[in-house]
Amino acid sequence: MSALAAVLSNIVSNVPAVLVFRPFIPHLADPRRAWLTLAMSSTLAGNLTVLGSVANLIVLQRARHQVRISLWEYARVGAPLTPLTIIIGVLMVGLKRA
């Protein structure tokens, strides 16, 4: 679910991505944990690319006179960091269950 949420969040944005999962979450074994996992995944997914989050665009726009960060430069950090943080988040949610 986390991987699909991350991909979908970068295609259609995180709010519509979460809404796609809405009908399925109540039928899962632990809906509360599923909502938390989905919230974590869709939020962290925004770090994948510059366009992944409106906050990224705002920060880069405000900083444009002091620093230039290309889409590629951002992706060099965001591409490995995003899956890593999502995996850590999923593991933390799983550990909290035990």
PDB file of N, CA and C in Angstrom:
ATOM      1  N   MET A   1       0.826  -1.188   0.000  1.00  0.00           N
ATOM      2  CA  MET A   1       0.000   0.000   0.000  1.00  0.00           C
ATOM      3  C   MET A   1       0.875   1.259   0.000  1.00  0.00           C
ATOM      4  N   SER A   2       1.953   1.237   0.769  1.00  0.00           N
ATOM      5  CA  SER A   2       2.811   2.419   0.863  1.00  0.00           C
ATOM      6  C   SER A   2       3.469   2.749  -0.471  1.00  0.00           C
ATOM      7  N   ALA A   3       3.960   1.733  -1.168  1.00  0.00           N
ATOM      8  CA  ALA A   3       4.606   1.969  -2.459  1.00  0.00           C
ATOM      9  C   ALA A   3       3.610   2.523  -3.466  1.00  0.00           C
ATOM     10  N   LEU A   4       2.429   1.942  -3.521  1.00  0.00           N
ATOM     11  CA  LEU A   4       1.403   2.417  -4.447  1.00  0.00           C
ATOM     12  C   LEU A   4       0.974   3.844  -4.094  1.00  0.00           C
ATOM     13  N   ALA A   5       0.834   4.121  -2.811  1.00  0.00           N
ATOM     14  CA  ALA A   5       0.470   5.479  -2.381  1.00  0.00           C
ATOM     15  C   ALA A   5       1.544   6.481  -2.779  1.00  0.00           C
ATOM     16  N   ALA A   6       2.810   6.090  -2.653  1.00  0.00           N
ATOM     17  CA  ALA A   6       3.907   6.994  -3.018  1.00  0.00           C
ATOM     18  C   ALA A   6       3.906   7.290  -4.514  1.00  0.00           C
ATOM     19  N   VAL A   7       3.729   6.266  -5.315  1.00  0.00           N
ATOM     20  CA  VAL A   7       3.700   6.458  -6.770  1.00  0.00           C
ATOM     21  C   VAL A   7       2.497   7.303  -7.164  1.00  0.00           C
ATOM     22  N   LEU A   8       1.347   6.932  -6.643  1.00  0.00           N
ATOM     23  CA  LEU A   8       0.113   7.656  -6.981  1.00  0.00           C
ATOM     24  C   LEU A   8       0.173   9.107  -6.514  1.00  0.00           C
ATOM     25  N   SER A   9       0.774   9.342  -5.364  1.00  0.00           N
ATOM     26  CA  SER A   9       0.890  10.703  -4.839  1.00  0.00           C
ATOM     27  C   SER A   9       1.718  11.598  -5.752  1.00  0.00           C
ATOM     28  N   ASN A  10       2.680  11.014  -6.439  1.00  0.00           N
ATOM     29  CA  ASN A  10       3.506  11.796  -7.359  1.00  0.00           C
ATOM     30  C   ASN A  10       2.874  11.937  -8.735  1.00  0.00           C
ATOM     31  N   ILE A  11       1.869  11.145  -9.015  1.00  0.00           N
ATOM     32  CA  ILE A  11       1.174  11.254 -10.302  1.00  0.00           C
ATOM     33  C   ILE A  11       0.001  12.223 -10.202  1.00  0.00           C
ATOM     34  N   VAL A  12      -0.827  12.044  -9.170  1.00  0.00           N
ATOM     35  CA  VAL A  12      -2.048  12.852  -9.056  1.00  0.00           C
ATOM     36  C   VAL A  12      -2.080  13.765  -7.839  1.00  0.00           C
ATOM     37  N   SER A  13      -1.039  13.774  -7.030  1.00  0.00           N
ATOM     38  CA  SER A  13      -0.949  14.524  -5.778  1.00  0.00           C
ATOM     39  C   SER A  13      -1.462  13.651  -4.630  1.00  0.00           C
ATOM     40  N   ASN A  14      -1.059  14.008  -3.420  1.00  0.00           N
ATOM     41  CA  ASN A  14      -1.345  13.110  -2.304  1.00  0.00           C
ATOM     42  C   ASN A  14      -2.806  13.084  -1.853  1.00  0.00           C
ATOM     43  N   VAL A  15      -3.519  14.172  -1.933  1.00  0.00           N
ATOM     44  CA  VAL A  15      -4.925  14.144  -1.491  1.00  0.00           C
ATOM     45  C   VAL A  15      -5.773  13.233  -2.388  1.00  0.00           C
ATOM     46  N   PRO A  16      -5.723  13.384  -3.717  1.00  0.00           N
ATOM     47  CA  PRO A  16      -6.479  12.442  -4.552  1.00  0.00           C
ATOM     48  C   PRO A  16      -5.999  10.997  -4.389  1.00  0.00           C
ATOM     49  N   ALA A  17      -4.706  10.808  -4.167  1.00  0.00           N
ATOM     50  CA  ALA A  17      -4.183   9.452  -3.976  1.00  0.00           C
ATOM     51  C   ALA A  17      -4.798   8.811  -2.731  1.00  0.00           C
ATOM     52  N   VAL A  18      -4.871   9.572  -1.656  1.00  0.00           N
ATOM     53  CA  VAL A  18      -5.469   9.056  -0.424  1.00  0.00           C
ATOM     54  C   VAL A  18      -6.952   8.744  -0.648  1.00  0.00           C
ATOM     55  N   LEU A  19      -7.630   9.582  -1.389  1.00  0.00           N
ATOM     56  CA  LEU A  19      -9.053   9.349  -1.657  1.00  0.00           C
ATOM     57  C   LEU A  19      -9.292   8.066  -2.444  1.00  0.00           C
ATOM     58  N   VAL A  20      -8.331   7.663  -3.259  1.00  0.00           N
ATOM     59  CA  VAL A  20      -8.455   6.394  -3.992  1.00  0.00           C
ATOM     60  C   VAL A  20      -8.500   5.225  -3.009  1.00  0.00           C
ATOM     61  N   PHE A  21      -7.752   5.324  -1.928  1.00  0.00           N
ATOM     62  CA  PHE A  21      -7.696   4.244  -0.937  1.00  0.00           C
ATOM     63  C   PHE A  21      -8.872   4.260   0.038  1.00  0.00           C
ATOM     64  N   ARG A  22      -9.571   5.352   0.103  1.00  0.00           N
ATOM     65  CA  ARG A  22     -10.627   5.529   1.118  1.00  0.00           C
ATOM     66  C   ARG A  22     -11.638   4.390   1.189  1.00  0.00           C
ATOM     67  N   PRO A  23     -12.145   3.884   0.073  1.00  0.00           N
ATOM     68  CA  PRO A  23     -13.139   2.806   0.187  1.00  0.00           C
ATOM     69  C   PRO A  23     -12.573   1.486   0.727  1.00  0.00           C
ATOM     70  N   PHE A  24     -11.269   1.281   0.626  1.00  0.00           N
ATOM     71  CA  PHE A  24     -10.669   0.009   1.007  1.00  0.00           C
ATOM     72  C   PHE A  24     -10.204  -0.045   2.454  1.00  0.00           C
ATOM     73  N   ILE A  25      -9.826   1.075   3.003  1.00  0.00           N
ATOM     74  CA  ILE A  25      -9.232   1.122   4.348  1.00  0.00           C
ATOM     75  C   ILE A  25     -10.149   0.547   5.431  1.00  0.00           C
ATOM     76  N   PRO A  26     -11.441   0.874   5.465  1.00  0.00           N
ATOM     77  CA  PRO A  26     -12.285   0.343   6.544  1.00  0.00           C
ATOM     78  C   PRO A  26     -12.395  -1.183   6.567  1.00  0.00           C
ATOM     79  N   HIS A  27     -12.097  -1.840   5.464  1.00  0.00           N
ATOM     80  CA  HIS A  27     -12.229  -3.292   5.377  1.00  0.00           C
ATOM     81  C   HIS A  27     -10.945  -4.028   5.753  1.00  0.00           C
ATOM     82  N   LEU A  28      -9.900  -3.302   6.044  1.00  0.00           N
ATOM     83  CA  LEU A  28      -8.640  -3.923   6.434  1.00  0.00           C
ATOM     84  C   LEU A  28      -8.685  -4.346   7.899  1.00  0.00           C
ATOM     85  N   ALA A  29      -7.757  -5.220   8.268  1.00  0.00           N
ATOM     86  CA  ALA A  29      -7.738  -5.760   9.637  1.00  0.00           C
ATOM     87  C   ALA A  29      -7.572  -4.674  10.697  1.00  0.00           C
ATOM     88  N   ASP A  30      -6.759  -3.675  10.409  1.00  0.00           N
ATOM     89  CA  ASP A  30      -6.516  -2.592  11.365  1.00  0.00           C
ATOM     90  C   ASP A  30      -6.628  -1.253  10.627  1.00  0.00           C
ATOM     91  N   PRO A  31      -7.853  -0.744  10.459  1.00  0.00           N
ATOM     92  CA  PRO A  31      -8.044   0.489   9.700  1.00  0.00           C
ATOM     93  C   PRO A  31      -7.268   1.683  10.250  1.00  0.00           C
ATOM     94  N   ARG A  32      -7.151   1.792  11.563  1.00  0.00           N
ATOM     95  CA  ARG A  32      -6.426   2.934  12.148  1.00  0.00           C
ATOM     96  C   ARG A  32      -4.968   2.916  11.713  1.00  0.00           C
ATOM     97  N   ARG A  33      -4.351   1.758  11.811  1.00  0.00           N
ATOM     98  CA  ARG A  33      -2.948   1.625  11.402  1.00  0.00           C
ATOM     99  C   ARG A  33      -2.809   1.855   9.899  1.00  0.00           C
ATOM    100  N   ALA A  34      -3.778   1.402   9.124  1.00  0.00           N
ATOM    101  CA  ALA A  34      -3.742   1.603   7.673  1.00  0.00           C
ATOM    102  C   ALA A  34      -3.819   3.092   7.330  1.00  0.00           C
ATOM    103  N   TRP A  35      -4.686   3.825   8.019  1.00  0.00           N
ATOM    104  CA  TRP A  35      -4.776   5.271   7.780  1.00  0.00           C
ATOM    105  C   TRP A  35      -3.462   5.968   8.132  1.00  0.00           C
ATOM    106  N   LEU A  36      -2.861   5.583   9.242  1.00  0.00           N
ATOM    107  CA  LEU A  36      -1.585   6.183   9.643  1.00  0.00           C
ATOM    108  C   LEU A  36      -0.486   5.868   8.627  1.00  0.00           C
ATOM    109  N   THR A  37      -0.449   4.636   8.161  1.00  0.00           N
ATOM    110  CA  THR A  37       0.546   4.239   7.162  1.00  0.00           C
ATOM    111  C   THR A  37       0.323   4.996   5.862  1.00  0.00           C
ATOM    112  N   LEU A  38      -0.918   5.118   5.457  1.00  0.00           N
ATOM    113  CA  LEU A  38      -1.242   5.841   4.233  1.00  0.00           C
ATOM    114  C   LEU A  38      -0.882   7.324   4.357  1.00  0.00           C
ATOM    115  N   ALA A  39      -1.183   7.916   5.495  1.00  0.00           N
ATOM    116  CA  ALA A  39      -0.839   9.327   5.718  1.00  0.00           C
ATOM    117  C   ALA A  39       0.673   9.526   5.664  1.00  0.00           C
ATOM    118  N   MET A  40       1.411   8.635   6.310  1.00  0.00           N
ATOM    119  CA  MET A  40       2.873   8.720   6.308  1.00  0.00           C
ATOM    120  C   MET A  40       3.411   8.577   4.895  1.00  0.00           C
ATOM    121  N   SER A  41       2.959   7.574   4.181  1.00  0.00           N
ATOM    122  CA  SER A  41       3.472   7.295   2.835  1.00  0.00           C
ATOM    123  C   SER A  41       3.168   8.416   1.854  1.00  0.00           C
ATOM    124  N   SER A  42       1.945   8.894   1.869  1.00  0.00           N
ATOM    125  CA  SER A  42       1.572   9.938   0.913  1.00  0.00           C
ATOM    126  C   SER A  42       2.264  11.262   1.228  1.00  0.00           C
ATOM    127  N   THR A  43       2.533  11.506   2.506  1.00  0.00           N
ATOM    128  CA  THR A  43       3.244  12.731   2.887  1.00  0.00           C
ATOM    129  C   THR A  43       4.714  12.659   2.480  1.00  0.00           C
ATOM    130  N   LEU A  44       5.369  11.576   2.825  1.00  0.00           N
ATOM    131  CA  LEU A  44       6.786  11.423   2.492  1.00  0.00           C
ATOM    132  C   LEU A  44       7.009  11.305   0.987  1.00  0.00           C
ATOM    133  N   ALA A  45       6.012  10.852   0.262  1.00  0.00           N
ATOM    134  CA  ALA A  45       6.128  10.730  -1.194  1.00  0.00           C
ATOM    135  C   ALA A  45       6.398  12.079  -1.851  1.00  0.00           C
ATOM    136  N   GLY A  46       5.960  13.144  -1.219  1.00  0.00           N
ATOM    137  CA  GLY A  46       6.182  14.485  -1.751  1.00  0.00           C
ATOM    138  C   GLY A  46       7.641  14.879  -1.846  1.00  0.00           C
ATOM    139  N   ASN A  47       8.511  14.124  -1.188  1.00  0.00           N
ATOM    140  CA  ASN A  47       9.945  14.424  -1.234  1.00  0.00           C
ATOM    141  C   ASN A  47      10.639  13.840  -2.457  1.00  0.00           C
ATOM    142  N   LEU A  48       9.927  13.047  -3.240  1.00  0.00           N
ATOM    143  CA  LEU A  48      10.545  12.382  -4.388  1.00  0.00           C
ATOM    144  C   LEU A  48      11.025  13.360  -5.448  1.00  0.00           C
ATOM    145  N   THR A  49      10.174  14.305  -5.827  1.00  0.00           N
ATOM    146  CA  THR A  49      10.532  15.280  -6.864  1.00  0.00           C
ATOM    147  C   THR A  49      10.142  16.676  -6.419  1.00  0.00           C
ATOM    148  N   VAL A  50      10.650  17.660  -7.132  1.00  0.00           N
ATOM    149  CA  VAL A  50      10.282  19.053  -6.857  1.00  0.00           C
ATOM    150  C   VAL A  50       8.770  19.221  -6.979  1.00  0.00           C
ATOM    151  N   LEU A  51       8.193  18.568  -7.962  1.00  0.00           N
ATOM    152  CA  LEU A  51       6.760  18.706  -8.209  1.00  0.00           C
ATOM    153  C   LEU A  51       5.906  17.839  -7.296  1.00  0.00           C
ATOM    154  N   GLY A  52       6.542  17.025  -6.451  1.00  0.00           N
ATOM    155  CA  GLY A  52       5.821  16.115  -5.578  1.00  0.00           C
ATOM    156  C   GLY A  52       5.053  16.793  -4.455  1.00  0.00           C
ATOM    157  N   SER A  53       5.382  18.030  -4.169  1.00  0.00           N
ATOM    158  CA  SER A  53       4.716  18.743  -3.081  1.00  0.00           C
ATOM    159  C   SER A  53       4.677  20.235  -3.393  1.00  0.00           C
ATOM    160  N   VAL A  54       3.581  20.843  -3.084  1.00  0.00           N
ATOM    161  CA  VAL A  54       3.463  22.284  -3.268  1.00  0.00           C
ATOM    162  C   VAL A  54       4.479  23.001  -2.381  1.00  0.00           C
ATOM    163  N   ALA A  55       4.743  22.446  -1.211  1.00  0.00           N
ATOM    164  CA  ALA A  55       5.730  23.052  -0.312  1.00  0.00           C
ATOM    165  C   ALA A  55       7.109  23.115  -0.976  1.00  0.00           C
ATOM    166  N   ASN A  56       7.482  22.086  -1.721  1.00  0.00           N
ATOM    167  CA  ASN A  56       8.767  22.101  -2.432  1.00  0.00           C
ATOM    168  C   ASN A  56       8.818  23.272  -3.400  1.00  0.00           C
ATOM    169  N   LEU A  57       7.757  23.459  -4.145  1.00  0.00           N
ATOM    170  CA  LEU A  57       7.699  24.540  -5.123  1.00  0.00           C
ATOM    171  C   LEU A  57       7.784  25.906  -4.447  1.00  0.00           C
ATOM    172  N   ILE A  58       7.101  26.063  -3.340  1.00  0.00           N
ATOM    173  CA  ILE A  58       7.111  27.339  -2.623  1.00  0.00           C
ATOM    174  C   ILE A  58       8.512  27.652  -2.116  1.00  0.00           C
ATOM    175  N   VAL A  59       9.169  26.675  -1.519  1.00  0.00           N
ATOM    176  CA  VAL A  59      10.519  26.900  -0.985  1.00  0.00           C
ATOM    177  C   VAL A  59      11.490  27.238  -2.104  1.00  0.00           C
ATOM    178  N   LEU A  60      11.453  26.483  -3.190  1.00  0.00           N
ATOM    179  CA  LEU A  60      12.375  26.761  -4.294  1.00  0.00           C
ATOM    180  C   LEU A  60      12.087  28.103  -4.953  1.00  0.00           C
ATOM    181  N   GLN A  61      10.828  28.461  -5.028  1.00  0.00           N
ATOM    182  CA  GLN A  61      10.462  29.762  -5.600  1.00  0.00           C
ATOM    183  C   GLN A  61      10.988  30.897  -4.722  1.00  0.00           C
ATOM    184  N   ARG A  62      10.820  30.755  -3.415  1.00  0.00           N
ATOM    185  CA  ARG A  62      11.275  31.798  -2.486  1.00  0.00           C
ATOM    186  C   ARG A  62      12.804  31.900  -2.458  1.00  0.00           C
ATOM    187  N   ALA A  63      13.488  30.778  -2.679  1.00  0.00           N
ATOM    188  CA  ALA A  63      14.952  30.756  -2.595  1.00  0.00           C
ATOM    189  C   ALA A  63      15.626  31.003  -3.935  1.00  0.00           C
ATOM    190  N   ARG A  64      14.881  31.251  -4.977  1.00  0.00           N
ATOM    191  CA  ARG A  64      15.449  31.321  -6.332  1.00  0.00           C
ATOM    192  C   ARG A  64      16.509  32.403  -6.515  1.00  0.00           C
ATOM    193  N   HIS A  65      16.493  33.439  -5.695  1.00  0.00           N
ATOM    194  CA  HIS A  65      17.510  34.491  -5.821  1.00  0.00           C
ATOM    195  C   HIS A  65      18.812  34.132  -5.104  1.00  0.00           C
ATOM    196  N   GLN A  66      18.734  33.211  -4.162  1.00  0.00           N
ATOM    197  CA  GLN A  66      19.926  32.814  -3.416  1.00  0.00           C
ATOM    198  C   GLN A  66      20.545  31.518  -3.931  1.00  0.00           C
ATOM    199  N   VAL A  67      19.724  30.623  -4.449  1.00  0.00           N
ATOM    200  CA  VAL A  67      20.217  29.308  -4.856  1.00  0.00           C
ATOM    201  C   VAL A  67      19.369  28.776  -6.013  1.00  0.00           C
ATOM    202  N   ARG A  68      20.002  28.041  -6.887  1.00  0.00           N
ATOM    203  CA  ARG A  68      19.301  27.400  -7.999  1.00  0.00           C
ATOM    204  C   ARG A  68      19.406  25.891  -7.806  1.00  0.00           C
ATOM    205  N   ILE A  69      18.271  25.240  -7.755  1.00  0.00           N
ATOM    206  CA  ILE A  69      18.228  23.785  -7.642  1.00  0.00           C
ATOM    207  C   ILE A  69      17.412  23.263  -8.813  1.00  0.00           C
ATOM    208  N   SER A  70      18.044  22.483  -9.651  1.00  0.00           N
ATOM    209  CA  SER A  70      17.351  21.935 -10.824  1.00  0.00           C
ATOM    210  C   SER A  70      16.499  20.736 -10.426  1.00  0.00           C
ATOM    211  N   LEU A  71      15.628  20.353 -11.333  1.00  0.00           N
ATOM    212  CA  LEU A  71      14.811  19.159 -11.092  1.00  0.00           C
ATOM    213  C   LEU A  71      15.707  17.946 -10.876  1.00  0.00           C
ATOM    214  N   TRP A  72      16.764  17.839 -11.675  1.00  0.00           N
ATOM    215  CA  TRP A  72      17.686  16.710 -11.562  1.00  0.00           C
ATOM    216  C   TRP A  72      18.439  16.733 -10.232  1.00  0.00           C
ATOM    217  N   GLU A  73      18.921  17.895  -9.807  1.00  0.00           N
ATOM    218  CA  GLU A  73      19.628  17.996  -8.533  1.00  0.00           C
ATOM    219  C   GLU A  73      18.714  17.580  -7.375  1.00  0.00           C
ATOM    220  N   TYR A  74      17.485  18.021  -7.430  1.00  0.00           N
ATOM    221  CA  TYR A  74      16.531  17.660  -6.383  1.00  0.00           C
ATOM    222  C   TYR A  74      16.270  16.157  -6.402  1.00  0.00           C
ATOM    223  N   ALA A  75      16.070  15.600  -7.600  1.00  0.00           N
ATOM    224  CA  ALA A  75      15.768  14.173  -7.736  1.00  0.00           C
ATOM    225  C   ALA A  75      16.942  13.300  -7.288  1.00  0.00           C
ATOM    226  N   ARG A  76      18.169  13.770  -7.454  1.00  0.00           N
ATOM    227  CA  ARG A  76      19.341  12.995  -7.011  1.00  0.00           C
ATOM    228  C   ARG A  76      19.285  12.726  -5.511  1.00  0.00           C
ATOM    229  N   VAL A  77      18.712  13.637  -4.766  1.00  0.00           N
ATOM    230  CA  VAL A  77      18.564  13.449  -3.323  1.00  0.00           C
ATOM    231  C   VAL A  77      17.210  12.819  -3.007  1.00  0.00           C
ATOM    232  N   GLY A  78      16.154  13.319  -3.645  1.00  0.00           N
ATOM    233  CA  GLY A  78      14.804  12.857  -3.346  1.00  0.00           C
ATOM    234  C   GLY A  78      14.531  11.413  -3.734  1.00  0.00           C
ATOM    235  N   ALA A  79      15.090  10.968  -4.863  1.00  0.00           N
ATOM    236  CA  ALA A  79      14.813   9.616  -5.348  1.00  0.00           C
ATOM    237  C   ALA A  79      15.294   8.525  -4.381  1.00  0.00           C
ATOM    238  N   PRO A  80      16.509   8.609  -3.848  1.00  0.00           N
ATOM    239  CA  PRO A  80      16.888   7.579  -2.879  1.00  0.00           C
ATOM    240  C   PRO A  80      16.321   7.831  -1.476  1.00  0.00           C
ATOM    241  N   LEU A  81      16.157   9.094  -1.114  1.00  0.00           N
ATOM    242  CA  LEU A  81      15.704   9.426   0.231  1.00  0.00           C
ATOM    243  C   LEU A  81      14.235   9.057   0.463  1.00  0.00           C
ATOM    244  N   THR A  82      13.396   9.255  -0.530  1.00  0.00           N
ATOM    245  CA  THR A  82      11.967   8.996  -0.362  1.00  0.00           C
ATOM    246  C   THR A  82      11.671   7.524  -0.072  1.00  0.00           C
ATOM    247  N   PRO A  83      12.147   6.581  -0.887  1.00  0.00           N
ATOM    248  CA  PRO A  83      11.879   5.177  -0.544  1.00  0.00           C
ATOM    249  C   PRO A  83      12.464   4.780   0.811  1.00  0.00           C
ATOM    250  N   LEU A  84      13.643   5.315   1.117  1.00  0.00           N
ATOM    251  CA  LEU A  84      14.274   4.994   2.392  1.00  0.00           C
ATOM    252  C   LEU A  84      13.410   5.446   3.570  1.00  0.00           C
ATOM    253  N   THR A  85      12.917   6.674   3.521  1.00  0.00           N
ATOM    254  CA  THR A  85      12.103   7.177   4.637  1.00  0.00           C
ATOM    255  C   THR A  85      10.757   6.446   4.713  1.00  0.00           C
ATOM    256  N   ILE A  86      10.204   6.081   3.566  1.00  0.00           N
ATOM    257  CA  ILE A  86       8.937   5.331   3.590  1.00  0.00           C
ATOM    258  C   ILE A  86       9.155   3.938   4.180  1.00  0.00           C
ATOM    259  N   ILE A  87      10.250   3.282   3.802  1.00  0.00           N
ATOM    260  CA  ILE A  87      10.554   1.961   4.373  1.00  0.00           C
ATOM    261  C   ILE A  87      10.740   2.063   5.881  1.00  0.00           C
ATOM    262  N   ILE A  88      11.477   3.061   6.328  1.00  0.00           N
ATOM    263  CA  ILE A  88      11.669   3.259   7.767  1.00  0.00           C
ATOM    264  C   ILE A  88      10.324   3.498   8.455  1.00  0.00           C
ATOM    265  N   GLY A  89       9.473   4.314   7.825  1.00  0.00           N
ATOM    266  CA  GLY A  89       8.142   4.567   8.391  1.00  0.00           C
ATOM    267  C   GLY A  89       7.308   3.313   8.496  1.00  0.00           C
ATOM    268  N   VAL A  90       7.329   2.493   7.455  1.00  0.00           N
ATOM    269  CA  VAL A  90       6.565   1.231   7.475  1.00  0.00           C
ATOM    270  C   VAL A  90       7.091   0.312   8.567  1.00  0.00           C
ATOM    271  N   LEU A  91       8.409   0.241   8.694  1.00  0.00           N
ATOM    272  CA  LEU A  91       8.999  -0.589   9.750  1.00  0.00           C
ATOM    273  C   LEU A  91       8.621  -0.078  11.134  1.00  0.00           C
ATOM    274  N   MET A  92       8.620   1.222  11.306  1.00  0.00           N
ATOM    275  CA  MET A  92       8.255   1.806  12.604  1.00  0.00           C
ATOM    276  C   MET A  92       6.792   1.522  12.946  1.00  0.00           C
ATOM    277  N   VAL A  93       5.923   1.622  11.960  1.00  0.00           N
ATOM    278  CA  VAL A  93       4.513   1.310  12.192  1.00  0.00           C
ATOM    279  C   VAL A  93       4.370  -0.170  12.557  1.00  0.00           C
ATOM    280  N   GLY A  94       5.130  -1.027  11.870  1.00  0.00           N
ATOM    281  CA  GLY A  94       5.098  -2.460  12.170  1.00  0.00           C
ATOM    282  C   GLY A  94       5.637  -2.779  13.550  1.00  0.00           C
ATOM    283  N   LEU A  95       6.707  -2.108  13.965  1.00  0.00           N
ATOM    284  CA  LEU A  95       7.272  -2.330  15.283  1.00  0.00           C
ATOM    285  C   LEU A  95       6.343  -1.852  16.389  1.00  0.00           C
ATOM    286  N   LYS A  96       5.639  -0.788  16.108  1.00  0.00           N
ATOM    287  CA  LYS A  96       4.717  -0.236  17.102  1.00  0.00           C
ATOM    288  C   LYS A  96       3.580  -1.233  17.386  1.00  0.00           C
ATOM    289  N   ARG A  97       3.266  -2.038  16.397  1.00  0.00           N
ATOM    290  CA  ARG A  97       2.193  -3.023  16.529  1.00  0.00           C
ATOM    291  C   ARG A  97       2.600  -4.148  17.483  1.00  0.00           C
ATOM    292  N   ALA A  98       3.882  -4.507  17.446  1.00  0.00           N
ATOM    293  CA  ALA A  98       4.361  -5.652  18.242  1.00  0.00           C
ATOM    294  C   ALA A  98       4.364  -5.387  19.732  1.00  0.00           C
TER     295      ALA A  98
END
